Amino acid sequence: MSYQKNTLGAGQRWELWGAGNFFRLLTATGNVQVEFYKNGSQVLKVDSVGAGFWRESVVAFDRVAVTDVSGASNTIEAVVDTAHVGYDRLAISGGMSVIDQPRCAAATHTQATVTNSSAQILAANSSRGYLAIQNNDPAGNIFVRFDGAAATTTNGLKIPPGGYWESSPGFVPSGAIMAIGDIGSNANVQIVTG
């Protein structure tokens, strides 16, 4: 296992060399872009992620590049390994609360329109047991926050066209869900709750 720590300046890039098929961003004081390389070619790029992001790949990569996209100084701790590894804490910031619900209520499907202004797409619900958000728009990205604070294109979880986000079992955001898009109006956002 290779544990590494670095403090990046605004927009600075950090390259972690070494073969592995597991990467985990243990801590980050701001969002970063993560790129995976194999034999000099980029095989995956993930934009605007924070602490807790991880990636496991069947094919080993030989380099990971982490670039600050927060616009400020950013302290990063990361792990690269050849096997799946664990970490004994849950990375949650911004006051987001989670609930442990072993069973979900009947699924509810909701359509939401996301514009280029932050707005609530789902009210807070302390008994929410499941949440999935899918962006069915062919061109516009959406950026989602789960703690009720205003979403921006730099602080929200990016869901690209055709992409989705799904809650992990036992860890479901219960706060108000806020979203903003990078196009004027995207009426193709589907939400499933349970």
Protein backbone atom coordinates (compact mmCIF):
# COMPACT_ATOMS: atom_id res chain seq x y z
CA MET A 1 0.00 0.00 0.00
CA SER A 2 1.26 3.47 -0.89
CA TYR A 3 -0.02 6.29 1.34
CA GLN A 4 0.84 9.80 0.18
CA LYS A 5 0.06 13.31 1.41
CA ASN A 6 0.55 16.64 -0.32
CA THR A 7 -0.71 20.22 -0.18
CA LEU A 8 -1.62 21.62 -3.60
CA GLY A 9 -1.92 25.25 -4.55
CA ALA A 10 -4.91 26.49 -6.57
CA GLY A 11 -4.97 24.60 -9.88
CA GLN A 12 -1.81 22.62 -9.05
CA ARG A 13 -1.38 19.06 -10.37
CA TRP A 14 0.14 16.17 -8.37
CA GLU A 15 1.20 12.89 -9.98
CA LEU A 16 1.27 9.67 -7.95
CA TRP A 17 3.46 7.08 -9.68
CA GLY A 18 3.18 3.37 -9.04
CA ALA A 19 1.12 0.45 -10.23
CA GLY A 20 -2.18 -0.28 -8.56
CA ASN A 21 -5.81 -1.05 -9.21
CA PHE A 22 -7.27 0.67 -6.14
CA PHE A 23 -7.24 4.41 -5.39
CA ARG A 24 -8.88 6.20 -2.46
CA LEU A 25 -8.93 9.91 -1.68
CA LEU A 26 -8.78 9.79 2.13
CA THR A 27 -8.93 13.55 2.72
CA ALA A 28 -9.18 16.67 0.62
CA THR A 29 -9.90 20.19 1.84
CA GLY A 30 -11.47 21.04 -1.53
CA ASN A 31 -12.60 19.35 -4.74
CA VAL A 32 -10.10 17.77 -7.13
CA GLN A 33 -9.98 16.21 -10.58
CA VAL A 34 -8.56 12.67 -10.69
CA GLU A 35 -7.07 11.09 -13.82
CA PHE A 36 -5.91 7.47 -14.20
CA TYR A 37 -3.19 6.47 -16.70
CA LYS A 38 -1.96 3.18 -18.14
CA ASN A 39 1.15 3.06 -20.37
CA GLY A 40 1.05 6.83 -20.86
CA SER A 41 -2.61 6.95 -21.96
CA GLN A 42 -5.44 8.35 -19.88
CA VAL A 43 -8.01 5.62 -19.14
CA LEU A 44 -10.37 7.55 -16.84
CA LYS A 45 -10.97 11.12 -15.71
CA VAL A 46 -13.27 12.08 -12.83
CA ASP A 47 -14.12 15.76 -12.30
CA SER A 48 -14.82 17.63 -9.07
CA VAL A 49 -14.71 14.96 -6.35
CA GLY A 50 -13.76 15.23 -2.69
CA ALA A 51 -12.72 13.16 0.30
CA GLY A 52 -14.14 9.65 0.26
CA PHE A 53 -13.90 9.15 -3.52
CA TRP A 54 -12.48 5.75 -4.45
CA ARG A 55 -11.95 3.71 -7.59
CA GLU A 56 -11.20 0.02 -8.04
CA SER A 57 -10.25 -1.22 -11.51
CA VAL A 58 -9.85 -4.72 -12.95
CA VAL A 59 -6.92 -3.47 -15.03
CA ALA A 60 -4.04 -1.93 -13.08
CA PHE A 61 -3.09 1.70 -13.71
CA ASP A 62 0.49 2.99 -13.43
CA ARG A 63 -0.10 6.64 -12.58
CA VAL A 64 -2.79 8.80 -10.95
CA ALA A 65 -2.88 12.58 -11.44
CA VAL A 66 -4.75 14.73 -8.89
CA THR A 67 -5.45 18.37 -9.81
CA ASP A 68 -6.91 20.98 -7.46
CA VAL A 69 -10.14 22.47 -8.85
CA SER A 70 -11.21 24.24 -5.64
CA GLY A 71 -9.32 27.43 -6.45
CA ALA A 72 -7.60 27.41 -3.04
CA SER A 73 -4.89 25.57 -1.14
CA ASN A 74 -5.90 21.91 -0.87
CA THR A 75 -4.40 19.28 1.47
CA ILE A 76 -4.72 15.79 -0.01
CA GLU A 77 -4.18 12.32 1.48
CA ALA A 78 -4.45 9.37 -0.92
CA VAL A 79 -3.84 5.62 -1.06
CA VAL A 80 -2.82 3.57 -4.11
CA ASP A 81 -2.79 -0.22 -3.72
CA THR A 82 -2.93 -3.45 -5.69
CA ALA A 83 -5.83 -4.76 -3.61
CA HIS A 84 -9.02 -3.35 -2.14
CA VAL A 85 -8.27 -1.64 1.17
CA GLY A 86 -10.49 -0.16 3.87
CA TYR A 87 -10.51 2.95 6.00
CA ASP A 88 -12.10 3.16 9.42
CA ARG A 89 -14.03 6.40 9.12
CA LEU A 90 -16.86 7.87 7.09
CA ALA A 91 -16.05 11.07 5.19
CA ILE A 92 -19.05 13.41 5.49
CA SER A 93 -18.82 17.18 5.47
CA GLY A 94 -21.15 20.16 5.41
CA GLY A 95 -23.55 18.90 8.06
CA MET A 96 -25.05 16.17 5.86
CA SER A 97 -26.92 13.64 7.97
CA VAL A 98 -27.40 10.00 7.09
CA ILE A 99 -29.79 7.35 8.32
CA ASP A 100 -29.55 3.59 8.51
CA GLN A 101 -32.72 2.06 7.07
CA PRO A 102 -32.57 -1.65 6.32
CA ARG A 103 -35.87 -1.52 4.42
CA CYS A 104 -37.31 1.05 2.05
CA ALA A 105 -40.85 2.21 1.60
CA ALA A 106 -42.52 1.83 -1.78
CA ALA A 107 -40.56 3.61 -4.49
CA THR A 108 -41.69 7.06 -5.56
CA HIS A 109 -40.64 8.41 -8.96
CA THR A 110 -40.43 12.18 -9.40
CA GLN A 111 -39.47 14.33 -12.38
CA ALA A 112 -37.52 17.52 -11.61
CA THR A 113 -36.47 20.45 -13.74
CA VAL A 114 -32.97 21.73 -12.99
CA THR A 115 -32.05 25.22 -14.19
CA ASN A 116 -28.88 27.28 -14.08
CA SER A 117 -29.94 28.63 -10.64
CA SER A 118 -29.65 26.52 -7.50
CA ALA A 119 -33.03 25.21 -6.34
CA GLN A 120 -34.44 22.46 -4.17
CA ILE A 121 -35.40 19.33 -6.11
CA LEU A 122 -36.35 17.24 -3.09
CA ALA A 123 -37.42 18.23 0.43
CA ALA A 124 -35.67 16.95 3.55
CA ASN A 125 -37.01 13.63 4.81
CA SER A 126 -35.60 12.02 7.96
CA SER A 127 -37.14 8.63 7.07
CA ARG A 128 -35.73 8.44 3.54
CA GLY A 129 -34.34 4.92 3.02
CA TYR A 130 -33.24 5.14 -0.62
CA LEU A 131 -32.34 7.85 -3.11
CA ALA A 132 -31.34 7.77 -6.78
CA ILE A 133 -30.99 10.70 -9.18
CA GLN A 134 -30.62 10.23 -12.94
CA ASN A 135 -29.79 12.94 -15.48
CA ASN A 136 -31.55 11.93 -18.72
CA ASP A 137 -30.66 15.13 -20.58
CA PRO A 138 -28.50 14.53 -23.67
CA ALA A 139 -26.36 17.66 -23.21
CA GLY A 140 -26.55 19.30 -19.76
CA ASN A 141 -24.65 18.41 -16.59
CA ILE A 142 -26.30 18.77 -13.19
CA PHE A 143 -24.55 19.42 -9.86
CA VAL A 144 -26.23 18.15 -6.68
CA ARG A 145 -25.82 18.94 -2.96
CA PHE A 146 -27.31 16.73 -0.27
CA ASP A 147 -27.10 19.00 2.79
CA GLY A 148 -29.69 21.68 1.89
CA ALA A 149 -27.06 24.32 1.01
CA ALA A 150 -27.10 26.04 -2.38
CA ALA A 151 -25.53 23.95 -5.14
CA THR A 152 -22.94 25.42 -7.49
CA THR A 153 -21.01 23.96 -10.40
CA THR A 154 -17.94 23.80 -8.13
CA ASN A 155 -19.41 22.41 -4.88
CA GLY A 156 -22.03 19.98 -6.18
CA LEU A 157 -21.69 16.32 -7.12
CA LYS A 158 -21.56 16.31 -10.94
CA ILE A 159 -23.99 14.02 -12.75
CA PRO A 160 -23.19 14.13 -16.50
CA PRO A 161 -25.72 13.58 -19.31
CA GLY A 162 -27.01 10.02 -19.03
CA GLY A 163 -25.39 9.57 -15.60
CA TYR A 164 -26.89 8.78 -12.22
CA TRP A 165 -26.13 8.80 -8.51
CA GLU A 166 -27.48 6.17 -6.12
CA SER A 167 -27.31 6.05 -2.33
CA SER A 168 -25.30 3.31 -0.65
CA PRO A 169 -27.21 0.87 1.54
CA GLY A 170 -27.41 2.27 5.06
CA PHE A 171 -26.12 5.73 4.12
CA VAL A 172 -28.91 7.82 2.64
CA PRO A 173 -28.85 11.65 2.74
CA SER A 174 -31.89 12.92 4.65
CA GLY A 175 -31.44 16.66 4.05
CA ALA A 176 -33.00 18.80 1.33
CA ILE A 177 -31.51 18.02 -2.10
CA MET A 178 -30.37 21.07 -4.06
CA ALA A 179 -29.31 21.14 -7.72
CA ILE A 180 -28.04 23.48 -10.42
CA GLY A 181 -27.33 22.81 -14.09
CA ASP A 182 -24.98 24.17 -16.71
CA ILE A 183 -27.82 24.72 -19.21
CA GLY A 184 -30.82 27.04 -18.86
CA SER A 185 -33.42 24.35 -18.24
CA ASN A 186 -33.13 20.57 -17.93
CA ALA A 187 -36.55 18.91 -17.49
CA ASN A 188 -35.07 15.43 -17.81
CA VAL A 189 -34.01 14.73 -14.22
CA GLN A 190 -35.59 11.69 -12.57
CA ILE A 191 -35.57 11.07 -8.80
CA VAL A 192 -36.45 7.78 -7.10
CA THR A 193 -36.97 7.67 -3.33
CA GLY A 194 -38.07 4.97 -0.97
